[in-house]
């Protein structure tokens, strides 16, 4: 990510650079901010992100470690997949597909389900790395070390997104952490009927318009 960012800064030195991470990509974007301090960024957008409490992660990490130790490090893990994702579809029963939780737009859901590059199971090691990375993201003392507390940060979430939890409690908790750490420009855009994929929702034009408006307002020097 850092190599690509440096390349873009070199090729487009006069452009503003906004880092947008969605879902698991939002975890990577959050970690990137912590590792590089927002250097060269004019804004951070976190879509479909969430917060996982330490007790949950403290249980998930050793379980994933056991799966790896038993030979599942490089194999898709149905057990860990079910642990992480099975509950997501339950609020939308009776289910039409395995990915009803993604969007209220059935055409977009069908495109996702039919794409062989989407919806695959992570290996045991992949799940272990994700859980371990999430635990690092929950540490307030890391956020407090951010050198640029004025970097504009935008959270985008559907209030029906099971990843974010009831009433988007997950992203709200993360946003509160950033504010507690001293970040001065934190904005939340919530969509009451939206699910996980807000950029593939029925009101995606509204979501994109609001994002562009935020980018135009964000004044970071």
C-alpha atoms as a PDB file:
ATOM      1  CA  UNK A   1       0.000   0.000   0.000  1.00  0.00           C
ATOM      2  CA  UNK A   2       2.769   2.406   0.903  1.00  0.00           C
ATOM      3  CA  UNK A   3       4.601   1.719  -2.363  1.00  0.00           C
ATOM      4  CA  UNK A   4       1.438   2.435  -4.371  1.00  0.00           C
ATOM      5  CA  UNK A   5       0.764   5.588  -2.352  1.00  0.00           C
ATOM      6  CA  UNK A   6       4.300   6.876  -2.962  1.00  0.00           C
ATOM      7  CA  UNK A   7       3.954   6.110  -6.665  1.00  0.00           C
ATOM      8  CA  UNK A   8       0.680   8.047  -6.862  1.00  0.00           C
ATOM      9  CA  UNK A   9       2.180  11.007  -4.991  1.00  0.00           C
ATOM     10  CA  UNK A  10       5.051  11.036  -7.470  1.00  0.00           C
ATOM     11  CA  UNK A  11       2.800  10.872 -10.523  1.00  0.00           C
ATOM     12  CA  UNK A  12       0.130  13.248  -9.217  1.00  0.00           C
ATOM     13  CA  UNK A  13       1.954  15.676  -6.909  1.00  0.00           C
ATOM     14  CA  UNK A  14      -0.662  18.417  -7.246  1.00  0.00           C
ATOM     15  CA  UNK A  15      -3.680  16.202  -6.545  1.00  0.00           C
ATOM     16  CA  UNK A  16      -5.304  15.556  -3.197  1.00  0.00           C
ATOM     17  CA  UNK A  17      -4.879  12.009  -1.952  1.00  0.00           C
ATOM     18  CA  UNK A  18      -7.749  10.338  -0.097  1.00  0.00           C
ATOM     19  CA  UNK A  19      -7.347   6.781   1.201  1.00  0.00           C
ATOM     20  CA  UNK A  20     -10.600   4.802   1.106  1.00  0.00           C
ATOM     21  CA  UNK A  21     -10.852   1.372   2.689  1.00  0.00           C
ATOM     22  CA  UNK A  22     -13.969  -0.794   2.666  1.00  0.00           C
ATOM     23  CA  UNK A  23     -14.727  -3.701   5.014  1.00  0.00           C
ATOM     24  CA  UNK A  24     -11.483  -5.676   5.460  1.00  0.00           C
ATOM     25  CA  UNK A  25      -9.858  -2.938   3.415  1.00  0.00           C
ATOM     26  CA  UNK A  26     -10.922  -0.500   6.126  1.00  0.00           C
ATOM     27  CA  UNK A  27      -8.884  -2.521   8.636  1.00  0.00           C
ATOM     28  CA  UNK A  28      -5.852  -2.196   6.357  1.00  0.00           C
ATOM     29  CA  UNK A  29      -6.483   1.531   5.918  1.00  0.00           C
ATOM     30  CA  UNK A  30      -6.654   1.999   9.686  1.00  0.00           C
ATOM     31  CA  UNK A  31      -3.409   0.085  10.166  1.00  0.00           C
ATOM     32  CA  UNK A  32      -1.770   2.062   7.347  1.00  0.00           C
ATOM     33  CA  UNK A  33      -2.673   5.291   9.115  1.00  0.00           C
ATOM     34  CA  UNK A  34      -1.137   4.011  12.341  1.00  0.00           C
ATOM     35  CA  UNK A  35       2.055   2.860  10.651  1.00  0.00           C
ATOM     36  CA  UNK A  36       2.612   5.923   8.475  1.00  0.00           C
ATOM     37  CA  UNK A  37       0.881   8.632  10.494  1.00  0.00           C
ATOM     38  CA  UNK A  38      -1.194   9.957   7.623  1.00  0.00           C
ATOM     39  CA  UNK A  39       1.878  11.332   5.852  1.00  0.00           C
ATOM     40  CA  UNK A  40       0.921  12.445   2.362  1.00  0.00           C
ATOM     41  CA  UNK A  41      -2.786  11.873   2.943  1.00  0.00           C
ATOM     42  CA  UNK A  42      -5.473  14.531   2.678  1.00  0.00           C
ATOM     43  CA  UNK A  43      -8.222  12.381   4.122  1.00  0.00           C
ATOM     44  CA  UNK A  44      -9.222   8.897   5.255  1.00  0.00           C
ATOM     45  CA  UNK A  45     -12.542   7.203   4.403  1.00  0.00           C
ATOM     46  CA  UNK A  46     -13.587   4.065   6.293  1.00  0.00           C
ATOM     47  CA  UNK A  47     -16.556   2.206   4.823  1.00  0.00           C
ATOM     48  CA  UNK A  48     -18.161  -0.842   6.422  1.00  0.00           C
ATOM     49  CA  UNK A  49     -15.676  -0.955   9.272  1.00  0.00           C
ATOM     50  CA  UNK A  50     -16.302  -2.248  12.773  1.00  0.00           C
ATOM     51  CA  UNK A  51     -14.964  -2.771  16.269  1.00  0.00           C
ATOM     52  CA  UNK A  52     -14.332  -6.154  17.855  1.00  0.00           C
ATOM     53  CA  UNK A  53     -13.983  -6.269  21.621  1.00  0.00           C
ATOM     54  CA  UNK A  54     -10.823  -7.739  23.124  1.00  0.00           C
ATOM     55  CA  UNK A  55     -12.581 -10.695  24.852  1.00  0.00           C
ATOM     56  CA  UNK A  56     -13.987 -11.881  21.528  1.00  0.00           C
ATOM     57  CA  UNK A  57     -10.607 -11.574  19.833  1.00  0.00           C
ATOM     58  CA  UNK A  58      -8.856 -13.240  22.754  1.00  0.00           C
ATOM     59  CA  UNK A  59     -11.046 -16.280  22.086  1.00  0.00           C
ATOM     60  CA  UNK A  60     -10.839 -16.180  18.283  1.00  0.00           C
ATOM     61  CA  UNK A  61      -7.049 -15.833  17.994  1.00  0.00           C
ATOM     62  CA  UNK A  62      -6.079 -19.048  19.837  1.00  0.00           C
ATOM     63  CA  UNK A  63      -8.864 -20.942  18.042  1.00  0.00           C
ATOM     64  CA  UNK A  64      -7.467 -19.820  14.687  1.00  0.00           C
ATOM     65  CA  UNK A  65      -3.991 -20.695  15.936  1.00  0.00           C
ATOM     66  CA  UNK A  66      -5.181 -24.210  16.776  1.00  0.00           C
ATOM     67  CA  UNK A  67      -6.661 -24.605  13.294  1.00  0.00           C
ATOM     68  CA  UNK A  68      -3.283 -23.615  11.834  1.00  0.00           C
ATOM     69  CA  UNK A  69      -1.395 -25.978  14.146  1.00  0.00           C
ATOM     70  CA  UNK A  70      -3.619 -28.868  13.053  1.00  0.00           C
ATOM     71  CA  UNK A  71      -2.664 -28.403   9.412  1.00  0.00           C
ATOM     72  CA  UNK A  72      -5.221 -25.809   8.368  1.00  0.00           C
ATOM     73  CA  UNK A  73      -2.913 -22.826   7.914  1.00  0.00           C
ATOM     74  CA  UNK A  74      -3.057 -22.951   4.112  1.00  0.00           C
ATOM     75  CA  UNK A  75      -6.492 -24.510   3.752  1.00  0.00           C
ATOM     76  CA  UNK A  76      -9.900 -22.811   3.678  1.00  0.00           C
ATOM     77  CA  UNK A  77     -11.387 -23.050   7.162  1.00  0.00           C
ATOM     78  CA  UNK A  78     -15.140 -23.673   7.255  1.00  0.00           C
ATOM     79  CA  UNK A  79     -15.085 -23.486  11.054  1.00  0.00           C
ATOM     80  CA  UNK A  80     -13.494 -20.030  11.170  1.00  0.00           C
ATOM     81  CA  UNK A  81     -15.572 -18.837   8.216  1.00  0.00           C
ATOM     82  CA  UNK A  82     -18.756 -19.796  10.056  1.00  0.00           C
ATOM     83  CA  UNK A  83     -17.486 -18.149  13.226  1.00  0.00           C
ATOM     84  CA  UNK A  84     -16.770 -14.865  11.454  1.00  0.00           C
ATOM     85  CA  UNK A  85     -19.543 -14.633   8.871  1.00  0.00           C
ATOM     86  CA  UNK A  86     -22.418 -17.093   9.444  1.00  0.00           C
ATOM     87  CA  UNK A  87     -24.380 -14.737  11.700  1.00  0.00           C
ATOM     88  CA  UNK A  88     -24.412 -11.946   9.119  1.00  0.00           C
ATOM     89  CA  UNK A  89     -27.339 -13.327   7.133  1.00  0.00           C
ATOM     90  CA  UNK A  90     -29.563 -14.203  10.106  1.00  0.00           C
ATOM     91  CA  UNK A  91     -31.262 -10.772  10.433  1.00  0.00           C
ATOM     92  CA  UNK A  92     -32.553 -11.099   6.864  1.00  0.00           C
ATOM     93  CA  UNK A  93     -34.321 -14.472   7.052  1.00  0.00           C
ATOM     94  CA  UNK A  94     -35.854 -16.020   5.085  1.00  0.00           C
ATOM     95  CA  UNK A  95     -32.687 -15.728   2.995  1.00  0.00           C
ATOM     96  CA  UNK A  96     -32.750 -15.547  -0.780  1.00  0.00           C
ATOM     97  CA  UNK A  97     -28.960 -16.013  -1.033  1.00  0.00           C
ATOM     98  CA  UNK A  98     -25.980 -16.438   1.272  1.00  0.00           C
ATOM     99  CA  UNK A  99     -25.147 -12.756   0.832  1.00  0.00           C
ATOM    100  CA  UNK A 100     -28.441 -10.991   1.506  1.00  0.00           C
ATOM    101  CA  UNK A 101     -26.601  -9.003   4.184  1.00  0.00           C
ATOM    102  CA  UNK A 102     -24.507  -7.294   1.523  1.00  0.00           C
ATOM    103  CA  UNK A 103     -27.131  -5.065  -0.073  1.00  0.00           C
ATOM    104  CA  UNK A 104     -30.850  -4.502  -0.554  1.00  0.00           C
ATOM    105  CA  UNK A 105     -30.153  -4.369  -4.311  1.00  0.00           C
ATOM    106  CA  UNK A 106     -30.771  -7.958  -5.417  1.00  0.00           C
ATOM    107  CA  UNK A 107     -28.990  -7.472  -8.757  1.00  0.00           C
ATOM    108  CA  UNK A 108     -25.803  -6.431  -6.978  1.00  0.00           C
ATOM    109  CA  UNK A 109     -26.107  -9.365  -4.574  1.00  0.00           C
ATOM    110  CA  UNK A 110     -26.500 -11.790  -7.480  1.00  0.00           C
ATOM    111  CA  UNK A 111     -23.435 -10.353  -9.205  1.00  0.00           C
ATOM    112  CA  UNK A 112     -21.426 -10.899  -6.037  1.00  0.00           C
ATOM    113  CA  UNK A 113     -22.690 -14.446  -5.481  1.00  0.00           C
ATOM    114  CA  UNK A 114     -21.981 -15.453  -9.098  1.00  0.00           C
ATOM    115  CA  UNK A 115     -18.447 -14.012  -9.077  1.00  0.00           C
ATOM    116  CA  UNK A 116     -15.901 -16.801  -8.399  1.00  0.00           C
ATOM    117  CA  UNK A 117     -13.496 -14.209  -6.995  1.00  0.00           C
ATOM    118  CA  UNK A 118     -15.947 -13.147  -4.279  1.00  0.00           C
ATOM    119  CA  UNK A 119     -17.137 -14.846  -1.128  1.00  0.00           C
ATOM    120  CA  UNK A 120     -14.328 -17.383  -0.867  1.00  0.00           C
ATOM    121  CA  UNK A 121     -13.273 -18.851   2.468  1.00  0.00           C
ATOM    122  CA  UNK A 122     -10.117 -17.598   4.143  1.00  0.00           C
ATOM    123  CA  UNK A 123      -7.396 -20.018   5.134  1.00  0.00           C
ATOM    124  CA  UNK A 124      -6.688 -20.642   8.791  1.00  0.00           C
ATOM    125  CA  UNK A 125      -3.659 -18.362   8.591  1.00  0.00           C
ATOM    126  CA  UNK A 126      -5.676 -15.666   6.852  1.00  0.00           C
ATOM    127  CA  UNK A 127      -8.270 -15.662   9.614  1.00  0.00           C
ATOM    128  CA  UNK A 128      -5.588 -15.718  12.312  1.00  0.00           C
ATOM    129  CA  UNK A 129      -3.874 -12.714  10.735  1.00  0.00           C
ATOM    130  CA  UNK A 130      -7.152 -10.806  10.488  1.00  0.00           C
ATOM    131  CA  UNK A 131      -8.056 -11.428  14.136  1.00  0.00           C
ATOM    132  CA  UNK A 132      -4.535 -10.506  15.268  1.00  0.00           C
ATOM    133  CA  UNK A 133      -4.585  -7.333  13.197  1.00  0.00           C
ATOM    134  CA  UNK A 134      -7.967  -6.331  14.603  1.00  0.00           C
ATOM    135  CA  UNK A 135      -6.678  -6.707  18.140  1.00  0.00           C
ATOM    136  CA  UNK A 136      -3.877  -4.256  17.374  1.00  0.00           C
ATOM    137  CA  UNK A 137      -6.402  -1.783  15.973  1.00  0.00           C
ATOM    138  CA  UNK A 138      -8.367  -1.685  19.225  1.00  0.00           C
ATOM    139  CA  UNK A 139      -5.486  -0.240  21.261  1.00  0.00           C
ATOM    140  CA  UNK A 140      -6.230   3.398  22.098  1.00  0.00           C
ATOM    141  CA  UNK A 141      -2.590   4.142  22.913  1.00  0.00           C
ATOM    142  CA  UNK A 142      -1.670   3.503  19.277  1.00  0.00           C
ATOM    143  CA  UNK A 143      -4.232   6.037  18.071  1.00  0.00           C
ATOM    144  CA  UNK A 144      -2.942   8.572  20.551  1.00  0.00           C
ATOM    145  CA  UNK A 145       0.471   8.487  18.828  1.00  0.00           C
ATOM    146  CA  UNK A 146      -0.948   9.755  15.521  1.00  0.00           C
ATOM    147  CA  UNK A 147       1.051  12.887  14.648  1.00  0.00           C
ATOM    148  CA  UNK A 148      -1.660  14.515  12.518  1.00  0.00           C
ATOM    149  CA  UNK A 149      -4.778  14.982  14.610  1.00  0.00           C
ATOM    150  CA  UNK A 150      -6.343  17.268  11.986  1.00  0.00           C
ATOM    151  CA  UNK A 151      -6.559  14.681   9.201  1.00  0.00           C
ATOM    152  CA  UNK A 152     -10.204  14.543   8.000  1.00  0.00           C
ATOM    153  CA  UNK A 153     -11.685  11.102   8.692  1.00  0.00           C
ATOM    154  CA  UNK A 154     -15.040   9.922   7.333  1.00  0.00           C
ATOM    155  CA  UNK A 155     -17.007   6.853   8.418  1.00  0.00           C
ATOM    156  CA  UNK A 156     -19.634   5.433   6.045  1.00  0.00           C
ATOM    157  CA  UNK A 157     -21.986   2.713   7.262  1.00  0.00           C
ATOM    158  CA  UNK A 158     -25.403   1.222   6.735  1.00  0.00           C
ATOM    159  CA  UNK A 159     -27.355   0.918   9.965  1.00  0.00           C
ATOM    160  CA  UNK A 160     -28.525  -2.550   8.854  1.00  0.00           C
ATOM    161  CA  UNK A 161     -24.960  -3.751   8.258  1.00  0.00           C
ATOM    162  CA  UNK A 162     -24.445  -6.796  10.518  1.00  0.00           C
ATOM    163  CA  UNK A 163     -20.682  -6.279  10.371  1.00  0.00           C
ATOM    164  CA  UNK A 164     -21.112  -2.936  12.109  1.00  0.00           C
ATOM    165  CA  UNK A 165     -23.594  -4.331  14.618  1.00  0.00           C
ATOM    166  CA  UNK A 166     -26.963  -3.021  15.737  1.00  0.00           C
ATOM    167  CA  UNK A 167     -27.460   0.648  14.805  1.00  0.00           C
ATOM    168  CA  UNK A 168     -23.879   0.813  13.487  1.00  0.00           C
ATOM    169  CA  UNK A 169     -22.469   0.493  16.990  1.00  0.00           C
ATOM    170  CA  UNK A 170     -19.171  -0.861  15.641  1.00  0.00           C
ATOM    171  CA  UNK A 171     -18.179   2.120  13.488  1.00  0.00           C
ATOM    172  CA  UNK A 172     -19.586   4.478  16.120  1.00  0.00           C
ATOM    173  CA  UNK A 173     -17.231   2.912  18.673  1.00  0.00           C
ATOM    174  CA  UNK A 174     -14.244   3.243  16.340  1.00  0.00           C
ATOM    175  CA  UNK A 175     -15.133   6.880  15.590  1.00  0.00           C
ATOM    176  CA  UNK A 176     -15.375   7.565  19.328  1.00  0.00           C
ATOM    177  CA  UNK A 177     -11.912   6.045  19.776  1.00  0.00           C
ATOM    178  CA  UNK A 178     -10.438   8.409  17.184  1.00  0.00           C
ATOM    179  CA  UNK A 179     -12.071  11.366  18.900  1.00  0.00           C
ATOM    180  CA  UNK A 180     -10.858  10.226  22.316  1.00  0.00           C
ATOM    181  CA  UNK A 181      -7.347   9.961  20.880  1.00  0.00           C
ATOM    182  CA  UNK A 182      -7.545  13.642  19.921  1.00  0.00           C
ATOM    183  CA  UNK A 183      -8.567  13.506  16.261  1.00  0.00           C
ATOM    184  CA  UNK A 184     -10.373  16.759  15.513  1.00  0.00           C
ATOM    185  CA  UNK A 185     -12.129  16.105  12.194  1.00  0.00           C
ATOM    186  CA  UNK A 186     -14.206  12.929  12.418  1.00  0.00           C
ATOM    187  CA  UNK A 187     -17.464  12.659  10.436  1.00  0.00           C
ATOM    188  CA  UNK A 188     -20.069   9.889  10.368  1.00  0.00           C
ATOM    189  CA  UNK A 189     -22.439   9.246   7.454  1.00  0.00           C
ATOM    190  CA  UNK A 190     -25.077   6.654   8.370  1.00  0.00           C
ATOM    191  CA  UNK A 191     -27.793   5.220   6.129  1.00  0.00           C
ATOM    192  CA  UNK A 192     -30.808   3.769   8.026  1.00  0.00           C
ATOM    193  CA  UNK A 193     -31.756   1.058   5.503  1.00  0.00           C
ATOM    194  CA  UNK A 194     -28.272   0.358   4.210  1.00  0.00           C
ATOM    195  CA  UNK A 195     -26.474  -2.949   4.604  1.00  0.00           C
ATOM    196  CA  UNK A 196     -22.770  -3.743   4.214  1.00  0.00           C
ATOM    197  CA  UNK A 197     -22.034  -2.630   0.642  1.00  0.00           C
ATOM    198  CA  UNK A 198     -23.111   1.007   0.674  1.00  0.00           C
ATOM    199  CA  UNK A 199     -21.425   1.661  -2.686  1.00  0.00           C
ATOM    200  CA  UNK A 200     -23.602  -1.112  -4.152  1.00  0.00           C
ATOM    201  CA  UNK A 201     -26.839  -0.161  -2.407  1.00  0.00           C
ATOM    202  CA  UNK A 202     -30.011   1.045  -4.103  1.00  0.00           C
ATOM    203  CA  UNK A 203     -29.139   4.601  -3.017  1.00  0.00           C
ATOM    204  CA  UNK A 204     -25.483   4.382  -4.077  1.00  0.00           C
ATOM    205  CA  UNK A 205     -25.720   7.600  -6.090  1.00  0.00           C
ATOM    206  CA  UNK A 206     -26.620   9.408  -2.854  1.00  0.00           C
ATOM    207  CA  UNK A 207     -23.746   7.713  -1.010  1.00  0.00           C
ATOM    208  CA  UNK A 208     -21.245   8.692  -3.697  1.00  0.00           C
ATOM    209  CA  UNK A 209     -22.581  12.260  -3.880  1.00  0.00           C
ATOM    210  CA  UNK A 210     -22.226  12.637  -0.115  1.00  0.00           C
ATOM    211  CA  UNK A 211     -18.695  11.251  -0.277  1.00  0.00           C
ATOM    212  CA  UNK A 212     -17.710  13.713  -3.006  1.00  0.00           C
ATOM    213  CA  UNK A 213     -19.265  16.585  -1.046  1.00  0.00           C
ATOM    214  CA  UNK A 214     -17.234  15.571   2.019  1.00  0.00           C
ATOM    215  CA  UNK A 215     -14.033  15.422  -0.036  1.00  0.00           C
ATOM    216  CA  UNK A 216     -14.730  18.885  -1.419  1.00  0.00           C
ATOM    217  CA  UNK A 217     -15.344  20.263   2.080  1.00  0.00           C
ATOM    218  CA  UNK A 218     -12.383  18.574   3.726  1.00  0.00           C
ATOM    219  CA  UNK A 219      -9.664  21.202   3.907  1.00  0.00           C
ATOM    220  CA  UNK A 220      -6.405  19.629   4.997  1.00  0.00           C
ATOM    221  CA  UNK A 221      -3.063  21.358   4.603  1.00  0.00           C
END
